[in-house]
Structure formats: C-alpha cells, structure tokens
Amino acid sequence: MRRNLIMFLSVCLMLASCVRSGSQDRIKAGDTLPDFTLSSEAYGELSSSDLKGKVTYLCFFATWCPPCQQKLAALRDTLYPMFENEEDFRLVVVGREHTEEELAEFDSTRKFPFPLYPDPERKVYSLFASETIPRAYLIDRDGIVQDAETGYDREHLAAVMDIIKALLEDGRQQ
C-alpha cells in the first residue's frame, strides 16, 4: 500500500513539474527570438539566425514527461504532416537536459520524422525559461514570438496551426 502511495505521489509530482504555470517565462509573446545555437552530430548545427525569414515552431520537451510525449505525438501526427513541404516553415524540437544518445534511443521506437536536438545543459532552454515543459513558441519570419505555450492542449495546438497557415500565406502575398 505504501509503495503504491509513493508511486502515485511521484507521478503527481512529475506531472506537476510538466504543466506548472509559465511564471518562470523569460520569453513571451511579443518578444524577439534570442540568439542561440543547437548542435547535433546527426543534424548539424542550427542557429537562431538560420530561422530568419522562416515561420518556426520551437518546442522544448523531456522524454520522461507524459504531456511532452502527447505533444510530440501531436506534432508528428498533425502539425508536421501539414507543414512538412512548406519551404518557409521550420519545426525545431529540443530535448531539455538530454544527450544526443538519449534522444536517439527515445526516437528509436517513436520514429519522429523531424530532428530532435539535444540541450543537455539547458543552455538554449535557459534563454526561454527556467522550468516547465513542454514549452513551445511560434516565431514569425521577423523573429518575433507570436505565441508562447506551456503544457499541451490540443485545441491550442489547432489554433497555432491556423496562425502558422496565416503567417505562411502572408509571406506568399508579399
């Protein structure tokens, strides 16, 4: 009985750390994307300057976090297929506190069609926040954050996908 209680409380604490309010935000909607560089042996380097002129969805996650796993599945199943052929769109997914090896193992059974960049020391994540995952940002072509979200909400992701469509269409009309 006691063991079950400890396991239950551990799961509750883990879930609470995933979905706590975004009071530790450093970057919010309206802010400019900070300068950063992600490095991956598999995918190479990606810097914030590489994202200029692109509509970007940037998502931080951890492999152990259930809401993160739900969000990544939704990105794989809904967002990525909708925008994978859009030249002016980038999906950037970052494993907070994970090594490249850990991400490769996590991906081996899930087969994500997008790269998972490691951030083992929270160097990039710490530019955006100090806690709470999953955490995602929608950035426009000018590097301005249009939406910042913590946690996973299916309806919110659908609304963000509509904003992405509008941002991409605006770029085509210019």
C-alpha atoms as a PDB file:
ATOM      1  CA  MET A   1       0.000   0.000   0.000  1.00  0.00           C
ATOM      2  CA  ARG A   2       2.740   2.427   0.991  1.00  0.00           C
ATOM      3  CA  ARG A   3       4.690   1.623  -2.164  1.00  0.00           C
ATOM      4  CA  ASN A   4       1.622   2.407  -4.298  1.00  0.00           C
ATOM      5  CA  LEU A   5       1.162   5.711  -2.468  1.00  0.00           C
ATOM      6  CA  ILE A   6       4.794   6.658  -3.081  1.00  0.00           C
ATOM      7  CA  MET A   7       4.496   5.760  -6.757  1.00  0.00           C
ATOM      8  CA  PHE A   8       1.267   7.781  -7.047  1.00  0.00           C
ATOM      9  CA  LEU A   9       2.826  10.838  -5.397  1.00  0.00           C
ATOM     10  CA  SER A  10       5.910  10.548  -7.594  1.00  0.00           C
ATOM     11  CA  VAL A  11       3.765  10.520 -10.721  1.00  0.00           C
ATOM     12  CA  CYS A  12       1.780  13.519  -9.427  1.00  0.00           C
ATOM     13  CA  LEU A  13       4.966  15.491  -8.780  1.00  0.00           C
ATOM     14  CA  MET A  14       6.322  14.596 -12.208  1.00  0.00           C
ATOM     15  CA  LEU A  15       3.107  15.714 -13.896  1.00  0.00           C
ATOM     16  CA  ALA A  16       3.007  18.910 -11.856  1.00  0.00           C
ATOM     17  CA  SER A  17       6.522  19.787 -12.956  1.00  0.00           C
ATOM     18  CA  CYS A  18       5.439  19.316 -16.577  1.00  0.00           C
ATOM     19  CA  VAL A  19       2.401  21.537 -16.528  1.00  0.00           C
ATOM     20  CA  ARG A  20       3.055  24.188 -13.887  1.00  0.00           C
ATOM     21  CA  SER A  21       2.081  27.702 -14.862  1.00  0.00           C
ATOM     22  CA  GLY A  22       4.515  29.624 -17.012  1.00  0.00           C
ATOM     23  CA  SER A  23       5.545  32.007 -14.235  1.00  0.00           C
ATOM     24  CA  GLN A  24       9.203  31.317 -14.995  1.00  0.00           C
ATOM     25  CA  ASP A  25       8.981  32.585 -18.584  1.00  0.00           C
ATOM     26  CA  ARG A  26      11.890  34.600 -19.886  1.00  0.00           C
ATOM     27  CA  ILE A  27      10.473  34.850 -23.411  1.00  0.00           C
ATOM     28  CA  LYS A  28       6.815  35.700 -24.014  1.00  0.00           C
ATOM     29  CA  ALA A  29       4.625  36.565 -26.986  1.00  0.00           C
ATOM     30  CA  GLY A  30       5.846  39.838 -28.463  1.00  0.00           C
ATOM     31  CA  ASP A  31       9.495  39.231 -27.535  1.00  0.00           C
ATOM     32  CA  THR A  32      12.295  38.767 -30.030  1.00  0.00           C
ATOM     33  CA  LEU A  33      13.801  35.312 -30.500  1.00  0.00           C
ATOM     34  CA  PRO A  34      17.098  35.181 -28.564  1.00  0.00           C
ATOM     35  CA  ASP A  35      20.361  34.197 -30.244  1.00  0.00           C
ATOM     36  CA  PHE A  36      21.199  30.516 -29.803  1.00  0.00           C
ATOM     37  CA  THR A  37      22.876  27.577 -31.480  1.00  0.00           C
ATOM     38  CA  LEU A  38      21.867  23.926 -31.231  1.00  0.00           C
ATOM     39  CA  SER A  39      24.394  21.237 -32.158  1.00  0.00           C
ATOM     40  CA  SER A  40      23.697  17.694 -33.230  1.00  0.00           C
ATOM     41  CA  GLU A  41      26.016  15.114 -34.749  1.00  0.00           C
ATOM     42  CA  ALA A  42      23.065  13.732 -36.716  1.00  0.00           C
ATOM     43  CA  TYR A  43      21.510  17.021 -37.853  1.00  0.00           C
ATOM     44  CA  GLY A  44      24.371  19.529 -37.702  1.00  0.00           C
ATOM     45  CA  GLU A  45      24.204  22.991 -36.221  1.00  0.00           C
ATOM     46  CA  LEU A  46      21.084  25.109 -36.165  1.00  0.00           C
ATOM     47  CA  SER A  47      21.188  28.712 -35.020  1.00  0.00           C
ATOM     48  CA  SER A  48      18.503  31.280 -34.480  1.00  0.00           C
ATOM     49  CA  SER A  49      19.916  33.186 -37.453  1.00  0.00           C
ATOM     50  CA  ASP A  50      19.100  30.138 -39.648  1.00  0.00           C
ATOM     51  CA  LEU A  51      15.435  30.699 -38.767  1.00  0.00           C
ATOM     52  CA  LYS A  52      15.243  34.280 -40.045  1.00  0.00           C
ATOM     53  CA  GLY A  53      12.675  34.543 -42.814  1.00  0.00           C
ATOM     54  CA  LYS A  54      11.008  31.296 -41.673  1.00  0.00           C
ATOM     55  CA  VAL A  55       7.885  30.676 -39.635  1.00  0.00           C
ATOM     56  CA  THR A  56       9.173  28.500 -36.802  1.00  0.00           C
ATOM     57  CA  TYR A  57       7.555  26.309 -34.182  1.00  0.00           C
ATOM     58  CA  LEU A  58      10.085  25.688 -31.394  1.00  0.00           C
ATOM     59  CA  CYS A  59       9.242  23.034 -28.810  1.00  0.00           C
ATOM     60  CA  PHE A  60      11.169  22.016 -25.678  1.00  0.00           C
ATOM     61  CA  PHE A  61      10.410  18.628 -24.124  1.00  0.00           C
ATOM     62  CA  ALA A  62      11.770  15.855 -21.918  1.00  0.00           C
ATOM     63  CA  THR A  63      11.479  12.156 -22.669  1.00  0.00           C
ATOM     64  CA  TRP A  64      10.126  11.304 -19.206  1.00  0.00           C
ATOM     65  CA  CYS A  65       7.283  13.860 -19.301  1.00  0.00           C
ATOM     66  CA  PRO A  66       3.836  12.423 -20.258  1.00  0.00           C
ATOM     67  CA  PRO A  67       2.411  15.752 -21.558  1.00  0.00           C
ATOM     68  CA  CYS A  68       5.606  16.152 -23.622  1.00  0.00           C
ATOM     69  CA  GLN A  69       5.063  12.738 -25.151  1.00  0.00           C
ATOM     70  CA  GLN A  70       1.476  13.701 -26.023  1.00  0.00           C
ATOM     71  CA  LYS A  71       2.656  16.947 -27.583  1.00  0.00           C
ATOM     72  CA  LEU A  72       5.360  15.250 -29.661  1.00  0.00           C
ATOM     73  CA  ALA A  73       2.843  12.685 -30.899  1.00  0.00           C
ATOM     74  CA  ALA A  74       0.515  15.530 -31.928  1.00  0.00           C
ATOM     75  CA  LEU A  75       3.371  17.304 -33.695  1.00  0.00           C
ATOM     76  CA  ARG A  76       4.211  14.072 -35.520  1.00  0.00           C
ATOM     77  CA  ASP A  77       0.620  13.249 -36.427  1.00  0.00           C
ATOM     78  CA  THR A  78      -0.910  16.674 -37.165  1.00  0.00           C
ATOM     79  CA  LEU A  79       1.414  19.668 -37.368  1.00  0.00           C
ATOM     80  CA  TYR A  80       4.377  18.132 -39.182  1.00  0.00           C
ATOM     81  CA  PRO A  81       2.361  16.464 -41.973  1.00  0.00           C
ATOM     82  CA  MET A  82       0.512  19.712 -42.618  1.00  0.00           C
ATOM     83  CA  PHE A  83       3.672  21.822 -42.993  1.00  0.00           C
ATOM     84  CA  GLU A  84       6.486  19.418 -43.884  1.00  0.00           C
ATOM     85  CA  ASN A  85       6.576  20.584 -47.508  1.00  0.00           C
ATOM     86  CA  GLU A  86       6.428  24.281 -46.686  1.00  0.00           C
ATOM     87  CA  GLU A  87       9.789  25.771 -47.626  1.00  0.00           C
ATOM     88  CA  ASP A  88       9.291  28.708 -45.241  1.00  0.00           C
ATOM     89  CA  PHE A  89       8.410  26.629 -42.171  1.00  0.00           C
ATOM     90  CA  ARG A  90      10.706  25.051 -39.576  1.00  0.00           C
ATOM     91  CA  LEU A  91       9.813  22.702 -36.759  1.00  0.00           C
ATOM     92  CA  VAL A  92      12.554  22.721 -34.123  1.00  0.00           C
ATOM     93  CA  VAL A  93      12.221  20.193 -31.299  1.00  0.00           C
ATOM     94  CA  VAL A  94      14.701  20.320 -28.405  1.00  0.00           C
ATOM     95  CA  GLY A  95      15.263  17.712 -25.687  1.00  0.00           C
ATOM     96  CA  ARG A  96      15.863  19.646 -22.476  1.00  0.00           C
ATOM     97  CA  GLU A  97      18.613  18.013 -20.401  1.00  0.00           C
ATOM     98  CA  HIS A  98      19.017  15.199 -22.908  1.00  0.00           C
ATOM     99  CA  THR A  99      22.064  13.990 -24.799  1.00  0.00           C
ATOM    100  CA  GLU A 100      22.011  13.022 -28.434  1.00  0.00           C
ATOM    101  CA  GLU A 101      22.256   9.354 -27.426  1.00  0.00           C
ATOM    102  CA  GLU A 102      19.242   9.611 -25.127  1.00  0.00           C
ATOM    103  CA  LEU A 103      17.217  11.280 -27.857  1.00  0.00           C
ATOM    104  CA  ALA A 104      18.214   8.637 -30.408  1.00  0.00           C
ATOM    105  CA  GLU A 105      17.085   5.891 -28.025  1.00  0.00           C
ATOM    106  CA  PHE A 106      13.794   7.711 -27.335  1.00  0.00           C
ATOM    107  CA  ASP A 107      13.213   8.169 -31.063  1.00  0.00           C
ATOM    108  CA  SER A 108      14.072   4.572 -31.958  1.00  0.00           C
ATOM    109  CA  THR A 109      10.557   3.351 -31.163  1.00  0.00           C
ATOM    110  CA  ARG A 110       8.644   6.528 -31.959  1.00  0.00           C
ATOM    111  CA  LYS A 111      10.181   7.283 -35.359  1.00  0.00           C
ATOM    112  CA  PHE A 112       9.667  11.035 -35.391  1.00  0.00           C
ATOM    113  CA  PRO A 113      10.031  12.450 -38.921  1.00  0.00           C
ATOM    114  CA  PHE A 114      11.677  15.603 -37.557  1.00  0.00           C
ATOM    115  CA  PRO A 115      15.025  16.110 -35.820  1.00  0.00           C
ATOM    116  CA  LEU A 116      15.366  16.066 -32.046  1.00  0.00           C
ATOM    117  CA  TYR A 117      18.137  18.450 -30.975  1.00  0.00           C
ATOM    118  CA  PRO A 118      19.892  17.877 -27.642  1.00  0.00           C
ATOM    119  CA  ASP A 119      20.251  20.578 -24.987  1.00  0.00           C
ATOM    120  CA  PRO A 120      21.959  18.557 -22.234  1.00  0.00           C
ATOM    121  CA  GLU A 121      22.933  21.538 -20.078  1.00  0.00           C
ATOM    122  CA  ARG A 122      19.815  23.668 -20.683  1.00  0.00           C
ATOM    123  CA  LYS A 123      21.918  26.313 -22.418  1.00  0.00           C
ATOM    124  CA  VAL A 124      19.254  27.085 -25.010  1.00  0.00           C
ATOM    125  CA  TYR A 125      16.266  26.304 -22.802  1.00  0.00           C
ATOM    126  CA  SER A 126      17.546  28.713 -20.124  1.00  0.00           C
ATOM    127  CA  LEU A 127      17.248  31.577 -22.614  1.00  0.00           C
ATOM    128  CA  PHE A 128      13.485  30.942 -22.730  1.00  0.00           C
ATOM    129  CA  ALA A 129      12.549  29.776 -19.236  1.00  0.00           C
ATOM    130  CA  SER A 130      13.822  28.261 -16.028  1.00  0.00           C
ATOM    131  CA  GLU A 131      11.239  25.487 -15.656  1.00  0.00           C
ATOM    132  CA  THR A 132       8.113  23.832 -17.045  1.00  0.00           C
ATOM    133  CA  ILE A 133       7.805  21.569 -20.054  1.00  0.00           C
ATOM    134  CA  PRO A 134       6.520  21.012 -22.606  1.00  0.00           C
ATOM    135  CA  ARG A 135       7.051  24.572 -23.711  1.00  0.00           C
ATOM    136  CA  ALA A 136       6.550  25.846 -27.255  1.00  0.00           C
ATOM    137  CA  TYR A 137       6.976  29.084 -29.173  1.00  0.00           C
ATOM    138  CA  LEU A 138       5.627  30.194 -32.525  1.00  0.00           C
ATOM    139  CA  ILE A 139       8.030  32.644 -34.137  1.00  0.00           C
ATOM    140  CA  ASP A 140       7.252  34.703 -37.227  1.00  0.00           C
ATOM    141  CA  ARG A 141       9.585  35.459 -40.149  1.00  0.00           C
ATOM    142  CA  ASP A 142      10.905  38.560 -38.386  1.00  0.00           C
ATOM    143  CA  GLY A 143      11.935  36.620 -35.268  1.00  0.00           C
ATOM    144  CA  ILE A 144       9.043  37.860 -33.126  1.00  0.00           C
ATOM    145  CA  VAL A 145       7.376  35.360 -30.808  1.00  0.00           C
ATOM    146  CA  GLN A 146       3.695  35.204 -31.777  1.00  0.00           C
ATOM    147  CA  ASP A 147       2.656  32.570 -29.230  1.00  0.00           C
ATOM    148  CA  ALA A 148       4.196  31.032 -26.125  1.00  0.00           C
ATOM    149  CA  GLU A 149       2.641  27.987 -24.501  1.00  0.00           C
ATOM    150  CA  THR A 150       3.390  25.673 -21.620  1.00  0.00           C
ATOM    151  CA  GLY A 151       1.830  22.253 -21.335  1.00  0.00           C
ATOM    152  CA  TYR A 152      -0.098  20.509 -24.063  1.00  0.00           C
ATOM    153  CA  ASP A 153      -3.584  21.469 -25.176  1.00  0.00           C
ATOM    154  CA  ARG A 154      -4.988  20.006 -28.384  1.00  0.00           C
ATOM    155  CA  GLU A 155      -7.253  22.989 -29.063  1.00  0.00           C
ATOM    156  CA  HIS A 156      -4.406  25.433 -28.554  1.00  0.00           C
ATOM    157  CA  LEU A 157      -2.229  23.494 -30.991  1.00  0.00           C
ATOM    158  CA  ALA A 158      -5.040  23.627 -33.564  1.00  0.00           C
ATOM    159  CA  ALA A 159      -5.250  27.408 -33.114  1.00  0.00           C
ATOM    160  CA  VAL A 160      -1.467  27.702 -33.501  1.00  0.00           C
ATOM    161  CA  MET A 161      -1.658  25.681 -36.716  1.00  0.00           C
ATOM    162  CA  ASP A 162      -4.183  28.208 -38.042  1.00  0.00           C
ATOM    163  CA  ILE A 163      -1.783  31.036 -37.153  1.00  0.00           C
ATOM    164  CA  ILE A 164       1.042  29.210 -38.939  1.00  0.00           C
ATOM    165  CA  LYS A 165      -1.139  28.930 -42.067  1.00  0.00           C
ATOM    166  CA  ALA A 166      -1.904  32.655 -41.908  1.00  0.00           C
ATOM    167  CA  LEU A 167       1.757  33.609 -41.403  1.00  0.00           C
ATOM    168  CA  LEU A 168       2.821  31.438 -44.338  1.00  0.00           C
ATOM    169  CA  GLU A 169       0.070  32.892 -46.532  1.00  0.00           C
ATOM    170  CA  ASP A 170       1.060  36.454 -45.569  1.00  0.00           C
ATOM    171  CA  GLY A 171       4.608  35.664 -46.672  1.00  0.00           C
ATOM    172  CA  ARG A 172       3.380  34.429 -50.051  1.00  0.00           C
ATOM    173  CA  GLN A 173       1.428  37.628 -50.663  1.00  0.00           C
ATOM    174  CA  GLN A 174       4.429  39.885 -50.058  1.00  0.00           C
END
